[in-house]
């Protein structure tokens, strides 16, 4: 895949009841299959089976609702199990700006058959 589109990603989200502030890593870039493209920092997304959940509404509450529905609706009835509870969240079409209401978000979680 050639470098494609403008994207950003949130990953390594640390959210515990002991912490008052949620911490995470954030990266802006493009998608590519090239390794070490121009020796830039990269976020490796391993080859795996992924469940991808989309939020068409660009606000934090919508994203939290999607995350809640993953665990309360999808996970209990799915034949798959989430194997890494630290999701990768992609903001699509980042070139419009993070606060643009038309920006779509995706939550990616690694899964395997139960």
N, C-alpha and C. Protein backbone atom coordinates (compact mmCIF):
# COMPACT_ATOMS: atom_id res chain seq x y z
N UNK A 1 0.86 -1.17 0.00
CA UNK A 1 0.00 0.00 0.00
C UNK A 1 0.90 1.23 0.00
N UNK A 2 0.65 2.13 -0.88
CA UNK A 2 1.36 3.40 -0.88
C UNK A 2 0.87 4.22 0.31
N UNK A 3 1.60 5.24 0.71
CA UNK A 3 1.01 6.12 1.73
C UNK A 3 -0.36 6.59 1.26
N UNK A 4 -1.33 6.52 2.16
CA UNK A 4 -2.71 6.77 1.76
C UNK A 4 -3.43 7.60 2.82
N UNK A 5 -3.94 8.73 2.44
CA UNK A 5 -4.85 9.51 3.27
C UNK A 5 -4.25 10.07 4.54
N UNK A 6 -4.98 10.98 5.15
CA UNK A 6 -4.59 11.57 6.42
C UNK A 6 -5.34 10.92 7.55
N UNK A 7 -4.62 10.41 8.52
CA UNK A 7 -5.23 9.71 9.66
C UNK A 7 -4.53 10.12 10.94
N UNK A 8 -5.19 9.90 12.03
CA UNK A 8 -4.53 10.01 13.32
C UNK A 8 -4.97 8.82 14.16
N UNK A 9 -4.19 8.49 15.16
CA UNK A 9 -4.48 7.31 15.98
C UNK A 9 -4.23 7.63 17.45
N UNK A 10 -5.08 7.07 18.29
CA UNK A 10 -4.91 7.11 19.74
C UNK A 10 -4.69 5.67 20.18
N UNK A 11 -3.66 5.43 20.97
CA UNK A 11 -3.35 4.07 21.41
C UNK A 11 -2.64 4.14 22.76
N UNK A 12 -2.38 2.98 23.34
CA UNK A 12 -1.79 2.90 24.69
C UNK A 12 -2.59 3.74 25.68
N UNK A 13 -3.89 3.60 25.65
CA UNK A 13 -4.75 4.37 26.54
C UNK A 13 -4.68 3.77 27.93
N UNK A 14 -4.31 4.59 28.91
CA UNK A 14 -4.29 4.13 30.30
C UNK A 14 -5.42 4.84 31.03
N UNK A 15 -6.36 4.06 31.47
CA UNK A 15 -7.56 4.59 32.12
C UNK A 15 -7.88 3.70 33.31
N UNK A 16 -7.51 4.17 34.48
CA UNK A 16 -7.81 3.38 35.67
C UNK A 16 -8.53 4.25 36.68
N UNK A 17 -9.21 3.61 37.60
CA UNK A 17 -9.97 4.35 38.59
C UNK A 17 -9.06 5.15 39.52
N UNK A 18 -7.80 4.74 39.68
CA UNK A 18 -6.87 5.47 40.55
C UNK A 18 -6.38 6.76 39.90
N UNK A 19 -6.43 6.82 38.59
CA UNK A 19 -5.92 7.99 37.88
C UNK A 19 -7.06 8.96 37.58
N UNK A 20 -6.80 10.24 37.79
CA UNK A 20 -7.80 11.25 37.48
C UNK A 20 -7.75 11.65 36.01
N UNK A 21 -6.60 11.44 35.38
CA UNK A 21 -6.41 11.85 34.00
C UNK A 21 -6.13 10.62 33.16
N UNK A 22 -6.83 10.52 32.03
CA UNK A 22 -6.57 9.44 31.08
C UNK A 22 -5.37 9.85 30.24
N UNK A 23 -4.40 8.94 30.12
CA UNK A 23 -3.22 9.21 29.32
C UNK A 23 -3.20 8.29 28.11
N UNK A 24 -2.63 8.78 27.02
CA UNK A 24 -2.56 7.98 25.81
C UNK A 24 -1.46 8.51 24.90
N UNK A 25 -1.17 7.73 23.88
CA UNK A 25 -0.26 8.17 22.83
C UNK A 25 -1.11 8.59 21.65
N UNK A 26 -0.65 9.60 20.93
CA UNK A 26 -1.39 10.15 19.80
C UNK A 26 -0.43 10.35 18.64
N UNK A 27 -0.86 9.95 17.45
CA UNK A 27 0.01 10.05 16.29
C UNK A 27 -0.81 10.54 15.09
N UNK A 28 -0.23 11.42 14.30
CA UNK A 28 -0.84 11.89 13.06
C UNK A 28 0.01 11.40 11.91
N UNK A 29 -0.64 10.87 10.87
CA UNK A 29 0.17 10.37 9.78
C UNK A 29 -0.66 9.85 8.63
N UNK A 30 -0.12 8.84 7.98
CA UNK A 30 -0.76 8.22 6.83
C UNK A 30 -0.58 6.71 6.93
N UNK A 31 -1.39 5.96 6.22
CA UNK A 31 -1.29 4.50 6.23
C UNK A 31 -0.29 4.06 5.17
N UNK A 32 0.50 3.05 5.50
CA UNK A 32 1.43 2.47 4.54
C UNK A 32 1.79 1.06 4.96
N UNK A 33 2.22 0.23 4.02
CA UNK A 33 2.73 -1.09 4.34
C UNK A 33 4.25 -1.10 4.32
N UNK A 34 4.86 0.03 3.99
CA UNK A 34 6.31 0.11 3.97
C UNK A 34 6.84 0.15 5.40
N UNK A 35 7.92 -0.59 5.64
CA UNK A 35 8.54 -0.57 6.96
C UNK A 35 9.51 0.59 7.04
N UNK A 36 9.50 1.29 8.17
CA UNK A 36 10.39 2.42 8.42
C UNK A 36 10.39 3.42 7.26
N UNK A 37 9.23 3.80 6.83
CA UNK A 37 9.12 4.77 5.75
C UNK A 37 9.81 6.06 6.16
N UNK A 38 10.88 6.36 5.48
CA UNK A 38 11.66 7.57 5.73
C UNK A 38 12.14 7.67 7.17
N UNK A 39 12.25 6.54 7.85
CA UNK A 39 12.71 6.47 9.23
C UNK A 39 11.89 7.35 10.18
N UNK A 40 10.61 7.46 9.90
CA UNK A 40 9.70 8.21 10.76
C UNK A 40 9.17 7.30 11.85
N UNK A 41 8.63 7.89 12.90
CA UNK A 41 7.96 7.09 13.92
C UNK A 41 6.79 6.38 13.28
N UNK A 42 6.50 5.19 13.76
CA UNK A 42 5.38 4.45 13.18
C UNK A 42 4.62 3.71 14.27
N UNK A 43 3.38 3.43 13.97
CA UNK A 43 2.52 2.63 14.84
C UNK A 43 2.30 1.31 14.11
N UNK A 44 2.85 0.25 14.65
CA UNK A 44 2.71 -1.07 14.03
C UNK A 44 1.37 -1.66 14.42
N UNK A 45 0.58 -2.01 13.44
CA UNK A 45 -0.69 -2.69 13.66
C UNK A 45 -0.50 -4.12 13.18
N UNK A 46 -0.41 -5.08 14.12
CA UNK A 46 -0.07 -6.45 13.72
C UNK A 46 -1.15 -7.11 12.87
N UNK A 47 -0.68 -8.04 12.04
CA UNK A 47 -1.62 -8.85 11.28
C UNK A 47 -2.40 -9.68 12.27
N UNK A 48 -3.70 -9.57 12.24
CA UNK A 48 -4.54 -10.22 13.23
C UNK A 48 -5.97 -10.17 12.73
N UNK A 49 -6.87 -10.74 13.50
CA UNK A 49 -8.28 -10.56 13.23
C UNK A 49 -8.73 -9.40 14.09
N UNK A 50 -9.34 -8.42 13.45
CA UNK A 50 -9.76 -7.20 14.13
C UNK A 50 -11.26 -7.01 13.98
N UNK A 51 -11.90 -6.57 15.05
CA UNK A 51 -13.27 -6.09 14.95
C UNK A 51 -13.16 -4.57 14.90
N UNK A 52 -13.84 -3.98 13.93
CA UNK A 52 -13.74 -2.53 13.73
C UNK A 52 -15.13 -1.94 13.91
N UNK A 53 -15.23 -1.00 14.83
CA UNK A 53 -16.50 -0.36 15.16
C UNK A 53 -16.40 1.11 14.79
N UNK A 54 -17.40 1.61 14.09
CA UNK A 54 -17.36 2.97 13.55
C UNK A 54 -18.33 3.88 14.28
N UNK A 55 -17.88 5.09 14.53
CA UNK A 55 -18.74 6.15 15.06
C UNK A 55 -18.78 7.26 14.02
N UNK A 56 -19.96 7.50 13.49
CA UNK A 56 -20.09 8.54 12.47
C UNK A 56 -20.24 9.93 13.08
N UNK A 57 -20.47 10.00 14.38
CA UNK A 57 -20.62 11.28 15.06
C UNK A 57 -19.30 11.63 15.72
N UNK A 58 -18.83 12.84 15.52
CA UNK A 58 -17.52 13.23 16.05
C UNK A 58 -17.67 13.97 17.38
N UNK A 59 -17.85 13.21 18.43
CA UNK A 59 -17.76 13.80 19.77
C UNK A 59 -17.38 12.69 20.75
N UNK A 60 -16.82 13.08 21.87
CA UNK A 60 -16.30 12.12 22.84
C UNK A 60 -17.41 11.22 23.39
N UNK A 61 -18.59 11.78 23.60
CA UNK A 61 -19.69 10.98 24.15
C UNK A 61 -20.05 9.85 23.19
N UNK A 62 -20.11 10.13 21.91
CA UNK A 62 -20.43 9.10 20.92
C UNK A 62 -19.40 7.98 20.95
N UNK A 63 -18.13 8.33 21.04
CA UNK A 63 -17.07 7.32 21.08
C UNK A 63 -17.19 6.47 22.35
N UNK A 64 -17.50 7.08 23.47
CA UNK A 64 -17.69 6.33 24.71
C UNK A 64 -18.91 5.40 24.60
N UNK A 65 -19.96 5.87 23.93
CA UNK A 65 -21.14 5.02 23.75
C UNK A 65 -20.81 3.80 22.89
N UNK A 66 -20.02 4.00 21.84
CA UNK A 66 -19.62 2.87 21.00
C UNK A 66 -18.82 1.87 21.84
N UNK A 67 -17.87 2.36 22.62
CA UNK A 67 -17.04 1.49 23.45
C UNK A 67 -17.91 0.72 24.45
N UNK A 68 -18.89 1.38 25.05
CA UNK A 68 -19.80 0.71 25.99
C UNK A 68 -20.60 -0.38 25.27
N UNK A 69 -21.09 -0.07 24.07
CA UNK A 69 -21.89 -1.05 23.31
C UNK A 69 -21.05 -2.25 22.88
N UNK A 70 -19.76 -2.05 22.66
CA UNK A 70 -18.88 -3.19 22.31
C UNK A 70 -18.93 -4.22 23.43
N UNK A 71 -18.84 -3.74 24.69
CA UNK A 71 -18.78 -4.67 25.83
C UNK A 71 -20.15 -5.12 26.31
N UNK A 72 -21.19 -4.32 26.13
CA UNK A 72 -22.50 -4.72 26.65
C UNK A 72 -23.38 -5.42 25.62
N UNK A 73 -23.16 -5.16 24.33
CA UNK A 73 -24.01 -5.75 23.30
C UNK A 73 -23.25 -6.72 22.39
N UNK A 74 -22.14 -6.26 21.82
CA UNK A 74 -21.44 -7.09 20.84
C UNK A 74 -20.70 -8.24 21.50
N UNK A 75 -19.89 -7.97 22.48
CA UNK A 75 -19.03 -8.99 23.08
C UNK A 75 -19.82 -10.17 23.68
N UNK A 76 -20.88 -9.95 24.47
CA UNK A 76 -21.59 -11.09 25.05
C UNK A 76 -22.24 -12.01 24.00
N UNK A 77 -22.65 -11.46 22.87
CA UNK A 77 -23.36 -12.27 21.88
C UNK A 77 -22.47 -12.72 20.72
N UNK A 78 -21.23 -12.28 20.71
CA UNK A 78 -20.34 -12.61 19.59
C UNK A 78 -19.68 -13.96 19.79
N UNK A 79 -19.29 -14.59 18.70
CA UNK A 79 -18.52 -15.83 18.78
C UNK A 79 -17.02 -15.53 18.91
N UNK A 80 -16.70 -14.24 19.08
CA UNK A 80 -15.31 -13.82 19.22
C UNK A 80 -15.05 -13.24 20.60
N UNK A 81 -13.80 -13.31 21.01
CA UNK A 81 -13.36 -12.76 22.29
C UNK A 81 -12.33 -11.68 22.02
N UNK A 82 -12.42 -10.58 22.75
CA UNK A 82 -11.43 -9.52 22.62
C UNK A 82 -10.15 -10.00 23.30
N UNK A 83 -9.03 -9.97 22.58
CA UNK A 83 -7.78 -10.49 23.15
C UNK A 83 -6.83 -9.40 23.62
N UNK A 84 -7.09 -8.18 23.25
CA UNK A 84 -6.26 -7.08 23.74
C UNK A 84 -7.19 -5.93 24.04
N UNK A 85 -7.40 -5.66 25.32
CA UNK A 85 -8.38 -4.65 25.70
C UNK A 85 -7.87 -3.22 25.55
N UNK A 86 -6.69 -3.05 24.99
CA UNK A 86 -6.20 -1.70 24.69
C UNK A 86 -6.44 -1.45 23.20
N UNK A 87 -7.54 -0.78 22.88
CA UNK A 87 -7.88 -0.61 21.47
C UNK A 87 -6.99 0.42 20.79
N UNK A 88 -7.04 0.39 19.49
CA UNK A 88 -6.46 1.46 18.69
C UNK A 88 -7.63 2.23 18.12
N UNK A 89 -7.63 3.54 18.29
CA UNK A 89 -8.72 4.36 17.81
C UNK A 89 -8.20 5.22 16.67
N UNK A 90 -8.80 5.07 15.51
CA UNK A 90 -8.39 5.85 14.34
C UNK A 90 -9.41 6.95 14.07
N UNK A 91 -8.91 8.14 13.81
CA UNK A 91 -9.74 9.25 13.38
C UNK A 91 -9.55 9.36 11.88
N UNK A 92 -10.59 9.12 11.13
CA UNK A 92 -10.49 9.08 9.69
C UNK A 92 -10.62 10.49 9.12
N UNK A 93 -10.04 10.68 7.95
CA UNK A 93 -10.13 11.95 7.25
C UNK A 93 -9.66 13.10 8.13
N UNK A 94 -8.55 12.90 8.81
CA UNK A 94 -8.04 13.87 9.76
C UNK A 94 -7.74 15.22 9.12
N UNK A 95 -7.57 15.23 7.82
CA UNK A 95 -7.21 16.48 7.14
C UNK A 95 -8.27 17.56 7.32
N UNK A 96 -9.51 17.18 7.66
CA UNK A 96 -10.57 18.16 7.88
C UNK A 96 -10.44 18.84 9.24
N UNK A 97 -9.77 18.21 10.17
CA UNK A 97 -9.65 18.75 11.51
C UNK A 97 -10.41 17.89 12.51
N UNK A 98 -9.81 17.73 13.65
CA UNK A 98 -10.36 16.83 14.67
C UNK A 98 -11.76 17.21 15.12
N UNK A 99 -12.12 18.49 15.10
CA UNK A 99 -13.41 18.91 15.62
C UNK A 99 -14.49 19.01 14.55
N UNK A 100 -14.17 18.70 13.32
CA UNK A 100 -15.15 18.73 12.25
C UNK A 100 -16.18 17.63 12.51
N UNK A 101 -17.47 17.95 12.52
CA UNK A 101 -18.49 16.94 12.83
C UNK A 101 -18.56 15.80 11.83
N UNK A 102 -17.98 15.96 10.65
CA UNK A 102 -18.04 14.89 9.66
C UNK A 102 -16.91 13.87 9.79
N UNK A 103 -15.98 14.09 10.71
CA UNK A 103 -14.86 13.16 10.87
C UNK A 103 -15.36 11.87 11.50
N UNK A 104 -15.09 10.75 10.83
CA UNK A 104 -15.51 9.43 11.30
C UNK A 104 -14.41 8.83 12.18
N UNK A 105 -14.80 8.10 13.21
CA UNK A 105 -13.84 7.45 14.11
C UNK A 105 -14.05 5.95 14.05
N UNK A 106 -12.95 5.20 14.20
CA UNK A 106 -13.03 3.74 14.26
C UNK A 106 -12.30 3.26 15.50
N UNK A 107 -12.90 2.30 16.19
CA UNK A 107 -12.26 1.62 17.31
C UNK A 107 -11.89 0.23 16.81
N UNK A 108 -10.61 -0.10 16.86
CA UNK A 108 -10.12 -1.41 16.42
C UNK A 108 -9.75 -2.23 17.65
N UNK A 109 -10.30 -3.44 17.76
CA UNK A 109 -9.92 -4.35 18.85
C UNK A 109 -9.53 -5.70 18.26
N UNK A 110 -8.44 -6.26 18.79
CA UNK A 110 -8.02 -7.58 18.34
C UNK A 110 -8.95 -8.63 18.93
N UNK A 111 -9.30 -9.61 18.08
CA UNK A 111 -10.25 -10.65 18.53
C UNK A 111 -9.77 -12.03 18.08
N UNK A 112 -10.32 -13.07 18.72
CA UNK A 112 -10.12 -14.45 18.27
C UNK A 112 -11.41 -15.21 18.61
N UNK A 113 -11.58 -16.37 17.96
CA UNK A 113 -12.76 -17.20 18.23
C UNK A 113 -12.75 -17.64 19.69
N UNK A 114 -13.95 -17.69 20.29
CA UNK A 114 -14.07 -18.13 21.69
C UNK A 114 -13.81 -19.60 21.79
